[in-house]
C-alpha cells in the first residue's frame, strides 16, 4: 500500500499572517514576495499538520491519500 502526501495552500484565502511558517518545526513553508505562504521544502515535511491546524483562515491543507 502506497501513500501520497502533499501540502495545498489556497492563495486566495492566505492573508500572509506567517502563523503556518512560524509553527512549522521543519521550516517547510515560507512567504513569497506577495506575502503569501508557499511550500519551500516539502522533502523536510514530517506531516505533523501543525500548519493546517494553526492556519486561522483554513488556507493550508495537508492531503494524505492511501492507495490500496
Foldseek 3Di string as FASTA:
>chain_A
DDKDKDKAFAQVQFPLPCQLQVPQPQNQWDADPVSGIDGDHVVRDPPPCSSCVRDPRNRMDMDMDDDD
